[in-house]
Amino acid sequence: MNAVLQWISYVSIVLGTGLALTAAIAIVRFPDTLSRMHAATKPQVVGLVLVLVGAAIQLRGHPNVWLLPLVGLFTLLTAPAVAHLIGRTAYREQRHRDGLLVVNELGDDVD
């Protein structure tokens, strides 16, 4: 049973770091802010949660393991708000590709 939990932990950590790596590469490679915003939130948060799950399995029984779910929870709560603010700022400063927004729901309401 202990060996199975270790393997689950290893796989979780490797998958999480792989997602974080793809997010980092996408942030550098994507052409505009709105695309980068998507790459910065989705795979990065899921990758962090997977790494935290793997670390929690490895550190089970440690007195401070309760901090790991707390870190994951705060990340899950703050990442959408940060992405929204970045997207709104990019829209205001018109840092998006032309033709990317098919429907402009904000129009003049941003000011």
PDB file of N, CA and C in Angstrom:
ATOM      1  N   MET A   1       0.825  -1.208   0.000  1.00  0.00           N
ATOM      2  CA  MET A   1       0.000   0.000   0.000  1.00  0.00           C
ATOM      3  C   MET A   1       0.860   1.259   0.000  1.00  0.00           C
ATOM      4  N   ASN A   2       1.933   1.233   0.757  1.00  0.00           N
ATOM      5  CA  ASN A   2       2.826   2.375   0.849  1.00  0.00           C
ATOM      6  C   ASN A   2       3.495   2.649  -0.498  1.00  0.00           C
ATOM      7  N   ALA A   3       3.868   1.589  -1.210  1.00  0.00           N
ATOM      8  CA  ALA A   3       4.507   1.763  -2.518  1.00  0.00           C
ATOM      9  C   ALA A   3       3.523   2.336  -3.533  1.00  0.00           C
ATOM     10  N   VAL A   4       2.272   1.936  -3.457  1.00  0.00           N
ATOM     11  CA  VAL A   4       1.250   2.457  -4.376  1.00  0.00           C
ATOM     12  C   VAL A   4       1.050   3.955  -4.143  1.00  0.00           C
ATOM     13  N   LEU A   5       0.989   4.362  -2.885  1.00  0.00           N
ATOM     14  CA  LEU A   5       0.836   5.790  -2.582  1.00  0.00           C
ATOM     15  C   LEU A   5       2.046   6.594  -3.058  1.00  0.00           C
ATOM     16  N   GLN A   6       3.229   6.015  -2.941  1.00  0.00           N
ATOM     17  CA  GLN A   6       4.415   6.721  -3.429  1.00  0.00           C
ATOM     18  C   GLN A   6       4.362   6.899  -4.943  1.00  0.00           C
ATOM     19  N   TRP A   7       3.946   5.876  -5.652  1.00  0.00           N
ATOM     20  CA  TRP A   7       3.846   5.987  -7.106  1.00  0.00           C
ATOM     21  C   TRP A   7       2.775   6.995  -7.506  1.00  0.00           C
ATOM     22  N   ILE A   8       1.663   7.004  -6.818  1.00  0.00           N
ATOM     23  CA  ILE A   8       0.624   8.007  -7.096  1.00  0.00           C
ATOM     24  C   ILE A   8       1.177   9.408  -6.855  1.00  0.00           C
ATOM     25  N   SER A   9       1.940   9.553  -5.805  1.00  0.00           N
ATOM     26  CA  SER A   9       2.550  10.841  -5.494  1.00  0.00           C
ATOM     27  C   SER A   9       3.540  11.253  -6.574  1.00  0.00           C
ATOM     28  N   TYR A  10       4.381  10.318  -7.008  1.00  0.00           N
ATOM     29  CA  TYR A  10       5.370  10.630  -8.045  1.00  0.00           C
ATOM     30  C   TYR A  10       4.698  11.032  -9.350  1.00  0.00           C
ATOM     31  N   VAL A  11       3.683  10.275  -9.746  1.00  0.00           N
ATOM     32  CA  VAL A  11       2.975  10.578 -10.998  1.00  0.00           C
ATOM     33  C   VAL A  11       2.285  11.933 -10.903  1.00  0.00           C
ATOM     34  N   SER A  12       1.692  12.222  -9.773  1.00  0.00           N
ATOM     35  CA  SER A  12       1.009  13.499  -9.581  1.00  0.00           C
ATOM     36  C   SER A  12       1.988  14.669  -9.670  1.00  0.00           C
ATOM     37  N   ILE A  13       3.129  14.521  -9.043  1.00  0.00           N
ATOM     38  CA  ILE A  13       4.130  15.594  -9.072  1.00  0.00           C
ATOM     39  C   ILE A  13       4.682  15.781 -10.484  1.00  0.00           C
ATOM     40  N   VAL A  14       4.953  14.693 -11.193  1.00  0.00           N
ATOM     41  CA  VAL A  14       5.484  14.809 -12.554  1.00  0.00           C
ATOM     42  C   VAL A  14       4.449  15.424 -13.491  1.00  0.00           C
ATOM     43  N   LEU A  15       3.195  15.002 -13.387  1.00  0.00           N
ATOM     44  CA  LEU A  15       2.150  15.606 -14.224  1.00  0.00           C
ATOM     45  C   LEU A  15       1.971  17.091 -13.905  1.00  0.00           C
ATOM     46  N   GLY A  16       2.012  17.433 -12.627  1.00  0.00           N
ATOM     47  CA  GLY A  16       1.870  18.837 -12.231  1.00  0.00           C
ATOM     48  C   GLY A  16       3.007  19.699 -12.737  1.00  0.00           C
ATOM     49  N   THR A  17       4.224  19.195 -12.654  1.00  0.00           N
ATOM     50  CA  THR A  17       5.354  19.980 -13.166  1.00  0.00           C
ATOM     51  C   THR A  17       5.315  20.068 -14.682  1.00  0.00           C
ATOM     52  N   GLY A  18       4.808  19.021 -15.333  1.00  0.00           N
ATOM     53  CA  GLY A  18       4.651  19.086 -16.786  1.00  0.00           C
ATOM     54  C   GLY A  18       3.649  20.145 -17.204  1.00  0.00           C
ATOM     55  N   LEU A  19       2.531  20.227 -16.485  1.00  0.00           N
ATOM     56  CA  LEU A  19       1.547  21.270 -16.784  1.00  0.00           C
ATOM     57  C   LEU A  19       2.106  22.662 -16.498  1.00  0.00           C
ATOM     58  N   ALA A  20       2.843  22.803 -15.418  1.00  0.00           N
ATOM     59  CA  ALA A  20       3.444  24.102 -15.110  1.00  0.00           C
ATOM     60  C   ALA A  20       4.469  24.495 -16.173  1.00  0.00           C
ATOM     61  N   LEU A  21       5.209  23.505 -16.678  1.00  0.00           N
ATOM     62  CA  LEU A  21       6.184  23.787 -17.735  1.00  0.00           C
ATOM     63  C   LEU A  21       5.488  24.212 -19.025  1.00  0.00           C
ATOM     64  N   THR A  22       4.415  23.521 -19.389  1.00  0.00           N
ATOM     65  CA  THR A  22       3.692  23.925 -20.602  1.00  0.00           C
ATOM     66  C   THR A  22       3.076  25.315 -20.439  1.00  0.00           C
ATOM     67  N   ALA A  23       2.630  25.642 -19.248  1.00  0.00           N
ATOM     68  CA  ALA A  23       2.092  26.990 -19.009  1.00  0.00           C
ATOM     69  C   ALA A  23       3.187  28.038 -19.162  1.00  0.00           C
ATOM     70  N   ALA A  24       4.363  27.762 -18.643  1.00  0.00           N
ATOM     71  CA  ALA A  24       5.473  28.715 -18.762  1.00  0.00           C
ATOM     72  C   ALA A  24       5.888  28.898 -20.212  1.00  0.00           C
ATOM     73  N   ILE A  25       5.943  27.808 -20.965  1.00  0.00           N
ATOM     74  CA  ILE A  25       6.299  27.913 -22.383  1.00  0.00           C
ATOM     75  C   ILE A  25       5.231  28.686 -23.138  1.00  0.00           C
ATOM     76  N   ALA A  26       3.966  28.431 -22.831  1.00  0.00           N
ATOM     77  CA  ALA A  26       2.875  29.121 -23.521  1.00  0.00           C
ATOM     78  C   ALA A  26       2.869  30.616 -23.226  1.00  0.00           C
ATOM     79  N   ILE A  27       3.213  30.984 -22.013  1.00  0.00           N
ATOM     80  CA  ILE A  27       3.262  32.417 -21.680  1.00  0.00           C
ATOM     81  C   ILE A  27       4.305  33.123 -22.534  1.00  0.00           C
ATOM     82  N   VAL A  28       5.401  32.471 -22.787  1.00  0.00           N
ATOM     83  CA  VAL A  28       6.459  33.069 -23.594  1.00  0.00           C
ATOM     84  C   VAL A  28       6.092  33.051 -25.085  1.00  0.00           C
ATOM     85  N   ARG A  29       5.416  32.003 -25.530  1.00  0.00           N
ATOM     86  CA  ARG A  29       5.180  31.809 -26.960  1.00  0.00           C
ATOM     87  C   ARG A  29       3.920  32.474 -27.502  1.00  0.00           C
ATOM     88  N   PHE A  30       2.885  32.643 -26.682  1.00  0.00           N
ATOM     89  CA  PHE A  30       1.628  33.177 -27.198  1.00  0.00           C
ATOM     90  C   PHE A  30       1.779  34.650 -27.549  1.00  0.00           C
ATOM     91  N   PRO A  31       1.055  35.114 -28.598  1.00  0.00           N
ATOM     92  CA  PRO A  31       1.314  36.445 -29.134  1.00  0.00           C
ATOM     93  C   PRO A  31       0.685  37.615 -28.376  1.00  0.00           C
ATOM     94  N   ASP A  32      -0.440  37.410 -27.696  1.00  0.00           N
ATOM     95  CA  ASP A  32      -1.090  38.565 -27.080  1.00  0.00           C
ATOM     96  C   ASP A  32      -1.467  38.253 -25.630  1.00  0.00           C
ATOM     97  N   THR A  33      -1.901  39.283 -24.946  1.00  0.00           N
ATOM     98  CA  THR A  33      -2.164  39.179 -23.514  1.00  0.00           C
ATOM     99  C   THR A  33      -3.317  38.243 -23.189  1.00  0.00           C
ATOM    100  N   LEU A  34      -4.362  38.256 -23.978  1.00  0.00           N
ATOM    101  CA  LEU A  34      -5.514  37.409 -23.678  1.00  0.00           C
ATOM    102  C   LEU A  34      -5.165  35.928 -23.795  1.00  0.00           C
ATOM    103  N   SER A  35      -4.362  35.569 -24.781  1.00  0.00           N
ATOM    104  CA  SER A  35      -3.917  34.179 -24.903  1.00  0.00           C
ATOM    105  C   SER A  35      -2.980  33.810 -23.764  1.00  0.00           C
ATOM    106  N   ARG A  36      -2.103  34.704 -23.417  1.00  0.00           N
ATOM    107  CA  ARG A  36      -1.179  34.446 -22.309  1.00  0.00           C
ATOM    108  C   ARG A  36      -1.921  34.312 -20.981  1.00  0.00           C
ATOM    109  N   MET A  37      -2.981  35.088 -20.827  1.00  0.00           N
ATOM    110  CA  MET A  37      -3.775  35.015 -19.607  1.00  0.00           C
ATOM    111  C   MET A  37      -4.369  33.625 -19.437  1.00  0.00           C
ATOM    112  N   HIS A  38      -4.867  33.054 -20.520  1.00  0.00           N
ATOM    113  CA  HIS A  38      -5.429  31.706 -20.470  1.00  0.00           C
ATOM    114  C   HIS A  38      -4.354  30.699 -20.082  1.00  0.00           C
ATOM    115  N   ALA A  39      -3.178  30.828 -20.678  1.00  0.00           N
ATOM    116  CA  ALA A  39      -2.088  29.896 -20.370  1.00  0.00           C
ATOM    117  C   ALA A  39      -1.567  30.077 -18.946  1.00  0.00           C
ATOM    118  N   ALA A  40      -1.680  31.273 -18.424  1.00  0.00           N
ATOM    119  CA  ALA A  40      -1.163  31.521 -17.083  1.00  0.00           C
ATOM    120  C   ALA A  40      -2.090  31.009 -15.993  1.00  0.00           C
ATOM    121  N   THR A  41      -3.361  30.837 -16.301  1.00  0.00           N
ATOM    122  CA  THR A  41      -4.283  30.437 -15.236  1.00  0.00           C
ATOM    123  C   THR A  41      -4.629  28.960 -15.266  1.00  0.00           C
ATOM    124  N   LYS A  42      -5.090  28.457 -16.380  1.00  0.00           N
ATOM    125  CA  LYS A  42      -5.630  27.093 -16.400  1.00  0.00           C
ATOM    126  C   LYS A  42      -4.577  26.023 -16.096  1.00  0.00           C
ATOM    127  N   PRO A  43      -3.567  25.818 -16.935  1.00  0.00           N
ATOM    128  CA  PRO A  43      -2.640  24.718 -16.639  1.00  0.00           C
ATOM    129  C   PRO A  43      -1.762  24.994 -15.422  1.00  0.00           C
ATOM    130  N   GLN A  44      -1.486  26.254 -15.148  1.00  0.00           N
ATOM    131  CA  GLN A  44      -0.644  26.567 -13.994  1.00  0.00           C
ATOM    132  C   GLN A  44      -1.337  26.190 -12.691  1.00  0.00           C
ATOM    133  N   VAL A  45      -2.603  26.496 -12.563  1.00  0.00           N
ATOM    134  CA  VAL A  45      -3.344  26.195 -11.337  1.00  0.00           C
ATOM    135  C   VAL A  45      -3.533  24.687 -11.186  1.00  0.00           C
ATOM    136  N   VAL A  46      -3.900  24.014 -12.270  1.00  0.00           N
ATOM    137  CA  VAL A  46      -4.072  22.561 -12.195  1.00  0.00           C
ATOM    138  C   VAL A  46      -2.737  21.887 -11.886  1.00  0.00           C
ATOM    139  N   GLY A  47      -1.660  22.372 -12.486  1.00  0.00           N
ATOM    140  CA  GLY A  47      -0.336  21.831 -12.194  1.00  0.00           C
ATOM    141  C   GLY A  47       0.052  22.023 -10.739  1.00  0.00           C
ATOM    142  N   LEU A  48      -0.223  23.190 -10.199  1.00  0.00           N
ATOM    143  CA  LEU A  48       0.086  23.439  -8.796  1.00  0.00           C
ATOM    144  C   LEU A  48      -0.720  22.524  -7.876  1.00  0.00           C
ATOM    145  N   VAL A  49      -1.997  22.337  -8.195  1.00  0.00           N
ATOM    146  CA  VAL A  49      -2.834  21.460  -7.370  1.00  0.00           C
ATOM    147  C   VAL A  49      -2.314  20.024  -7.428  1.00  0.00           C
ATOM    148  N   LEU A  50      -1.903  19.566  -8.601  1.00  0.00           N
ATOM    149  CA  LEU A  50      -1.349  18.212  -8.697  1.00  0.00           C
ATOM    150  C   LEU A  50      -0.057  18.073  -7.893  1.00  0.00           C
ATOM    151  N   VAL A  51       0.805  19.060  -7.952  1.00  0.00           N
ATOM    152  CA  VAL A  51       2.038  19.023  -7.160  1.00  0.00           C
ATOM    153  C   VAL A  51       1.712  19.029  -5.669  1.00  0.00           C
ATOM    154  N   LEU A  52       0.738  19.818  -5.269  1.00  0.00           N
ATOM    155  CA  LEU A  52       0.351  19.856  -3.858  1.00  0.00           C
ATOM    156  C   LEU A  52      -0.249  18.535  -3.398  1.00  0.00           C
ATOM    157  N   VAL A  53      -1.026  17.874  -4.270  1.00  0.00           N
ATOM    158  CA  VAL A  53      -1.573  16.560  -3.917  1.00  0.00           C
ATOM    159  C   VAL A  53      -0.438  15.557  -3.749  1.00  0.00           C
ATOM    160  N   GLY A  54       0.506  15.572  -4.663  1.00  0.00           N
ATOM    161  CA  GLY A  54       1.659  14.673  -4.543  1.00  0.00           C
ATOM    162  C   GLY A  54       2.481  14.947  -3.295  1.00  0.00           C
ATOM    163  N   ALA A  55       2.667  16.210  -2.986  1.00  0.00           N
ATOM    164  CA  ALA A  55       3.426  16.562  -1.778  1.00  0.00           C
ATOM    165  C   ALA A  55       2.661  16.170  -0.523  1.00  0.00           C
ATOM    166  N   ALA A  56       1.347  16.311  -0.539  1.00  0.00           N
ATOM    167  CA  ALA A  56       0.544  15.924   0.630  1.00  0.00           C
ATOM    168  C   ALA A  56       0.617  14.421   0.864  1.00  0.00           C
ATOM    169  N   ILE A  57       0.628  13.652  -0.213  1.00  0.00           N
ATOM    170  CA  ILE A  57       0.768  12.200  -0.058  1.00  0.00           C
ATOM    171  C   ILE A  57       2.137  11.857   0.514  1.00  0.00           C
ATOM    172  N   GLN A  58       3.169  12.528   0.040  1.00  0.00           N
ATOM    173  CA  GLN A  58       4.521  12.264   0.541  1.00  0.00           C
ATOM    174  C   GLN A  58       4.680  12.696   1.999  1.00  0.00           C
ATOM    175  N   LEU A  59       4.032  13.771   2.380  1.00  0.00           N
ATOM    176  CA  LEU A  59       4.210  14.326   3.724  1.00  0.00           C
ATOM    177  C   LEU A  59       3.109  13.917   4.701  1.00  0.00           C
ATOM    178  N   ARG A  60       2.323  12.903   4.352  1.00  0.00           N
ATOM    179  CA  ARG A  60       1.241  12.501   5.252  1.00  0.00           C
ATOM    180  C   ARG A  60       1.833  12.142   6.615  1.00  0.00           C
ATOM    181  N   GLY A  61       1.163  12.592   7.629  1.00  0.00           N
ATOM    182  CA  GLY A  61       1.645  12.377   8.984  1.00  0.00           C
ATOM    183  C   GLY A  61       2.491  13.523   9.516  1.00  0.00           C
ATOM    184  N   HIS A  62       2.938  14.415   8.640  1.00  0.00           N
ATOM    185  CA  HIS A  62       3.720  15.580   9.078  1.00  0.00           C
ATOM    186  C   HIS A  62       2.757  16.599   9.684  1.00  0.00           C
ATOM    187  N   PRO A  63       3.162  17.277  10.761  1.00  0.00           N
ATOM    188  CA  PRO A  63       2.221  18.190  11.424  1.00  0.00           C
ATOM    189  C   PRO A  63       1.776  19.382  10.573  1.00  0.00           C
ATOM    190  N   ASN A  64       2.556  19.781   9.600  1.00  0.00           N
ATOM    191  CA  ASN A  64       2.204  20.971   8.815  1.00  0.00           C
ATOM    192  C   ASN A  64       1.640  20.633   7.438  1.00  0.00           C
ATOM    193  N   VAL A  65       1.171  19.419   7.231  1.00  0.00           N
ATOM    194  CA  VAL A  65       0.629  19.037   5.927  1.00  0.00           C
ATOM    195  C   VAL A  65      -0.687  19.766   5.639  1.00  0.00           C
ATOM    196  N   TRP A  66      -1.350  20.296   6.638  1.00  0.00           N
ATOM    197  CA  TRP A  66      -2.608  21.010   6.448  1.00  0.00           C
ATOM    198  C   TRP A  66      -2.408  22.301   5.660  1.00  0.00           C
ATOM    199  N   LEU A  67      -1.169  22.808   5.579  1.00  0.00           N
ATOM    200  CA  LEU A  67      -0.909  24.031   4.824  1.00  0.00           C
ATOM    201  C   LEU A  67      -1.054  23.822   3.313  1.00  0.00           C
ATOM    202  N   LEU A  68      -0.809  22.619   2.842  1.00  0.00           N
ATOM    203  CA  LEU A  68      -0.863  22.363   1.409  1.00  0.00           C
ATOM    204  C   LEU A  68      -2.270  22.542   0.825  1.00  0.00           C
ATOM    205  N   PRO A  69      -3.311  21.967   1.436  1.00  0.00           N
ATOM    206  CA  PRO A  69      -4.652  22.250   0.897  1.00  0.00           C
ATOM    207  C   PRO A  69      -5.035  23.730   1.010  1.00  0.00           C
ATOM    208  N   LEU A  70      -4.521  24.403   2.016  1.00  0.00           N
ATOM    209  CA  LEU A  70      -4.796  25.827   2.165  1.00  0.00           C
ATOM    210  C   LEU A  70      -4.179  26.628   1.015  1.00  0.00           C
ATOM    211  N   VAL A  71      -2.959  26.286   0.644  1.00  0.00           N
ATOM    212  CA  VAL A  71      -2.310  26.938  -0.499  1.00  0.00           C
ATOM    213  C   VAL A  71      -3.100  26.683  -1.778  1.00  0.00           C
ATOM    214  N   GLY A  72      -3.526  25.431  -1.978  1.00  0.00           N
ATOM    215  CA  GLY A  72      -4.330  25.111  -3.156  1.00  0.00           C
ATOM    216  C   GLY A  72      -5.646  25.861  -3.184  1.00  0.00           C
ATOM    217  N   LEU A  73      -6.293  25.973  -2.043  1.00  0.00           N
ATOM    218  CA  LEU A  73      -7.570  26.681  -1.968  1.00  0.00           C
ATOM    219  C   LEU A  73      -7.403  28.163  -2.292  1.00  0.00           C
ATOM    220  N   PHE A  74      -6.398  28.794  -1.719  1.00  0.00           N
ATOM    221  CA  PHE A  74      -6.180  30.216  -2.002  1.00  0.00           C
ATOM    222  C   PHE A  74      -5.826  30.442  -3.468  1.00  0.00           C
ATOM    223  N   THR A  75      -5.085  29.517  -4.062  1.00  0.00           N
ATOM    224  CA  THR A  75      -4.754  29.640  -5.480  1.00  0.00           C
ATOM    225  C   THR A  75      -6.009  29.512  -6.334  1.00  0.00           C
ATOM    226  N   LEU A  76      -6.858  28.538  -6.000  1.00  0.00           N
ATOM    227  CA  LEU A  76      -8.099  28.359  -6.758  1.00  0.00           C
ATOM    228  C   LEU A  76      -9.045  29.552  -6.607  1.00  0.00           C
ATOM    229  N   LEU A  77      -8.993  30.233  -5.473  1.00  0.00           N
ATOM    230  CA  LEU A  77      -9.865  31.389  -5.257  1.00  0.00           C
ATOM    231  C   LEU A  77      -9.343  32.661  -5.915  1.00  0.00           C
ATOM    232  N   THR A  78      -8.025  32.832  -5.963  1.00  0.00           N
ATOM    233  CA  THR A  78      -7.474  34.090  -6.459  1.00  0.00           C
ATOM    234  C   THR A  78      -7.140  34.078  -7.940  1.00  0.00           C
ATOM    235  N   ALA A  79      -6.878  32.929  -8.534  1.00  0.00           N
ATOM    236  CA  ALA A  79      -6.488  32.881  -9.950  1.00  0.00           C
ATOM    237  C   ALA A  79      -7.568  33.431 -10.881  1.00  0.00           C
ATOM    238  N   PRO A  80      -8.848  33.102 -10.711  1.00  0.00           N
ATOM    239  CA  PRO A  80      -9.849  33.697 -11.606  1.00  0.00           C
ATOM    240  C   PRO A  80      -9.966  35.215 -11.471  1.00  0.00           C
ATOM    241  N   ALA A  81      -9.834  35.720 -10.261  1.00  0.00           N
ATOM    242  CA  ALA A  81      -9.919  37.172 -10.065  1.00  0.00           C
ATOM    243  C   ALA A  81      -8.736  37.874 -10.726  1.00  0.00           C
ATOM    244  N   VAL A  82      -7.559  37.318 -10.586  1.00  0.00           N
ATOM    245  CA  VAL A  82      -6.379  37.911 -11.216  1.00  0.00           C
ATOM    246  C   VAL A  82      -6.496  37.859 -12.731  1.00  0.00           C
ATOM    247  N   ALA A  83      -6.959  36.727 -13.265  1.00  0.00           N
ATOM    248  CA  ALA A  83      -7.121  36.598 -14.712  1.00  0.00           C
ATOM    249  C   ALA A  83      -8.161  37.600 -15.231  1.00  0.00           C
ATOM    250  N   HIS A  84      -9.228  37.799 -14.471  1.00  0.00           N
ATOM    251  CA  HIS A  84     -10.245  38.769 -14.880  1.00  0.00           C
ATOM    252  C   HIS A  84      -9.666  40.185 -14.924  1.00  0.00           C
ATOM    253  N   LEU A  85      -8.903  40.552 -13.911  1.00  0.00           N
ATOM    254  CA  LEU A  85      -8.319  41.893 -13.891  1.00  0.00           C
ATOM    255  C   LEU A  85      -7.304  42.087 -15.008  1.00  0.00           C
ATOM    256  N   ILE A  86      -6.515  41.065 -15.296  1.00  0.00           N
ATOM    257  CA  ILE A  86      -5.547  41.159 -16.390  1.00  0.00           C
ATOM    258  C   ILE A  86      -6.273  41.288 -17.725  1.00  0.00           C
ATOM    259  N   GLY A  87      -7.315  40.491 -17.917  1.00  0.00           N
ATOM    260  CA  GLY A  87      -8.071  40.566 -19.157  1.00  0.00           C
ATOM    261  C   GLY A  87      -8.762  41.896 -19.341  1.00  0.00           C
ATOM    262  N   ARG A  88      -9.303  42.427 -18.277  1.00  0.00           N
ATOM    263  CA  ARG A  88      -9.980  43.732 -18.353  1.00  0.00           C
ATOM    264  C   ARG A  88      -8.983  44.846 -18.663  1.00  0.00           C
ATOM    265  N   THR A  89      -7.811  44.781 -18.051  1.00  0.00           N
ATOM    266  CA  THR A  89      -6.776  45.777 -18.333  1.00  0.00           C
ATOM    267  C   THR A  89      -6.281  45.662 -19.765  1.00  0.00           C
ATOM    268  N   ALA A  90      -6.093  44.441 -20.237  1.00  0.00           N
ATOM    269  CA  ALA A  90      -5.654  44.249 -21.625  1.00  0.00           C
ATOM    270  C   ALA A  90      -6.706  44.753 -22.595  1.00  0.00           C
ATOM    271  N   TYR A  91      -7.966  44.562 -22.282  1.00  0.00           N
ATOM    272  CA  TYR A  91      -9.030  45.059 -23.147  1.00  0.00           C
ATOM    273  C   TYR A  91      -9.045  46.589 -23.166  1.00  0.00           C
ATOM    274  N   ARG A  92      -8.899  47.186 -22.002  1.00  0.00           N
ATOM    275  CA  ARG A  92      -8.902  48.654 -21.924  1.00  0.00           C
ATOM    276  C   ARG A  92      -7.756  49.258 -22.718  1.00  0.00           C
ATOM    277  N   GLU A  93      -6.592  48.624 -22.628  1.00  0.00           N
ATOM    278  CA  GLU A  93      -5.420  49.149 -23.331  1.00  0.00           C
ATOM    279  C   GLU A  93      -5.332  48.649 -24.767  1.00  0.00           C
ATOM    280  N   GLN A  94      -6.348  47.897 -25.198  1.00  0.00           N
ATOM    281  CA  GLN A  94      -6.445  47.350 -26.547  1.00  0.00           C
ATOM    282  C   GLN A  94      -5.197  46.555 -26.920  1.00  0.00           C
ATOM    283  N   ARG A  95      -4.825  45.646 -26.042  1.00  0.00           N
ATOM    284  CA  ARG A  95      -3.674  44.784 -26.292  1.00  0.00           C
ATOM    285  C   ARG A  95      -4.121  43.387 -26.718  1.00  0.00           C
ATOM    286  N   HIS A  96      -5.064  43.336 -27.608  1.00  0.00           N
ATOM    287  CA  HIS A  96      -5.515  42.056 -28.135  1.00  0.00           C
ATOM    288  C   HIS A  96      -5.413  42.106 -29.660  1.00  0.00           C
ATOM    289  N   ARG A  97      -5.388  40.939 -30.254  1.00  0.00           N
ATOM    290  CA  ARG A  97      -5.309  40.859 -31.716  1.00  0.00           C
ATOM    291  C   ARG A  97      -6.636  41.289 -32.321  1.00  0.00           C
ATOM    292  N   ASP A  98      -6.553  41.937 -33.454  1.00  0.00           N
ATOM    293  CA  ASP A  98      -7.770  42.307 -34.169  1.00  0.00           C
ATOM    294  C   ASP A  98      -8.454  41.045 -34.665  1.00  0.00           C
ATOM    295  N   GLY A  99      -9.745  40.993 -34.541  1.00  0.00           N
ATOM    296  CA  GLY A  99     -10.506  39.836 -34.969  1.00  0.00           C
ATOM    297  C   GLY A  99     -10.594  38.743 -33.925  1.00  0.00           C
ATOM    298  N   LEU A 100      -9.929  38.913 -32.790  1.00  0.00           N
ATOM    299  CA  LEU A 100      -9.964  37.899 -31.742  1.00  0.00           C
ATOM    300  C   LEU A 100     -11.310  37.921 -31.019  1.00  0.00           C
ATOM    301  N   LEU A 101     -11.849  39.098 -30.798  1.00  0.00           N
ATOM    302  CA  LEU A 101     -13.140  39.230 -30.139  1.00  0.00           C
ATOM    303  C   LEU A 101     -14.240  39.285 -31.204  1.00  0.00           C
ATOM    304  N   VAL A 102     -14.994  38.226 -31.309  1.00  0.00           N
ATOM    305  CA  VAL A 102     -16.066  38.175 -32.309  1.00  0.00           C
ATOM    306  C   VAL A 102     -17.231  39.054 -31.877  1.00  0.00           C
ATOM    307  N   VAL A 103     -17.602  38.953 -30.608  1.00  0.00           N
ATOM    308  CA  VAL A 103     -18.677  39.765 -30.051  1.00  0.00           C
ATOM    309  C   VAL A 103     -18.069  40.652 -28.974  1.00  0.00           C
ATOM    310  N   ASN A 104     -18.272  41.941 -29.085  1.00  0.00           N
ATOM    311  CA  ASN A 104     -17.734  42.886 -28.120  1.00  0.00           C
ATOM    312  C   ASN A 104     -18.861  43.260 -27.143  1.00  0.00           C
ATOM    313  N   GLU A 105     -18.962  42.499 -26.079  1.00  0.00           N
ATOM    314  CA  GLU A 105     -20.043  42.721 -25.119  1.00  0.00           C
ATOM    315  C   GLU A 105     -19.805  43.935 -24.228  1.00  0.00           C
ATOM    316  N   LEU A 106     -18.568  44.314 -24.054  1.00  0.00           N
ATOM    317  CA  LEU A 106     -18.284  45.445 -23.180  1.00  0.00           C
ATOM    318  C   LEU A 106     -18.517  46.783 -23.856  1.00  0.00           C
ATOM    319  N   GLY A 107     -18.139  46.867 -25.122  1.00  0.00           N
ATOM    320  CA  GLY A 107     -18.358  48.119 -25.854  1.00  0.00           C
ATOM    321  C   GLY A 107     -17.751  49.303 -25.142  1.00  0.00           C
ATOM    322  N   ASP A 108     -18.591  50.277 -24.803  1.00  0.00           N
ATOM    323  CA  ASP A 108     -18.114  51.474 -24.116  1.00  0.00           C
ATOM    324  C   ASP A 108     -18.303  51.397 -22.612  1.00  0.00           C
ATOM    325  N   ASP A 109     -18.707  50.249 -22.085  1.00  0.00           N
ATOM    326  CA  ASP A 109     -18.990  50.115 -20.669  1.00  0.00           C
ATOM    327  C   ASP A 109     -17.740  49.969 -19.815  1.00  0.00           C
ATOM    328  N   VAL A 110     -16.575  49.838 -20.401  1.00  0.00           N
ATOM    329  CA  VAL A 110     -15.353  49.598 -19.647  1.00  0.00           C
ATOM    330  C   VAL A 110     -14.925  50.820 -18.858  1.00  0.00           C
ATOM    331  N   ASP A 111     -15.147  51.985 -19.386  1.00  0.00           N
ATOM    332  CA  ASP A 111     -14.705  53.207 -18.710  1.00  0.00           C
ATOM    333  C   ASP A 111     -15.472  53.366 -17.442  1.00  0.00           C
TER     334      ASP A 111
END
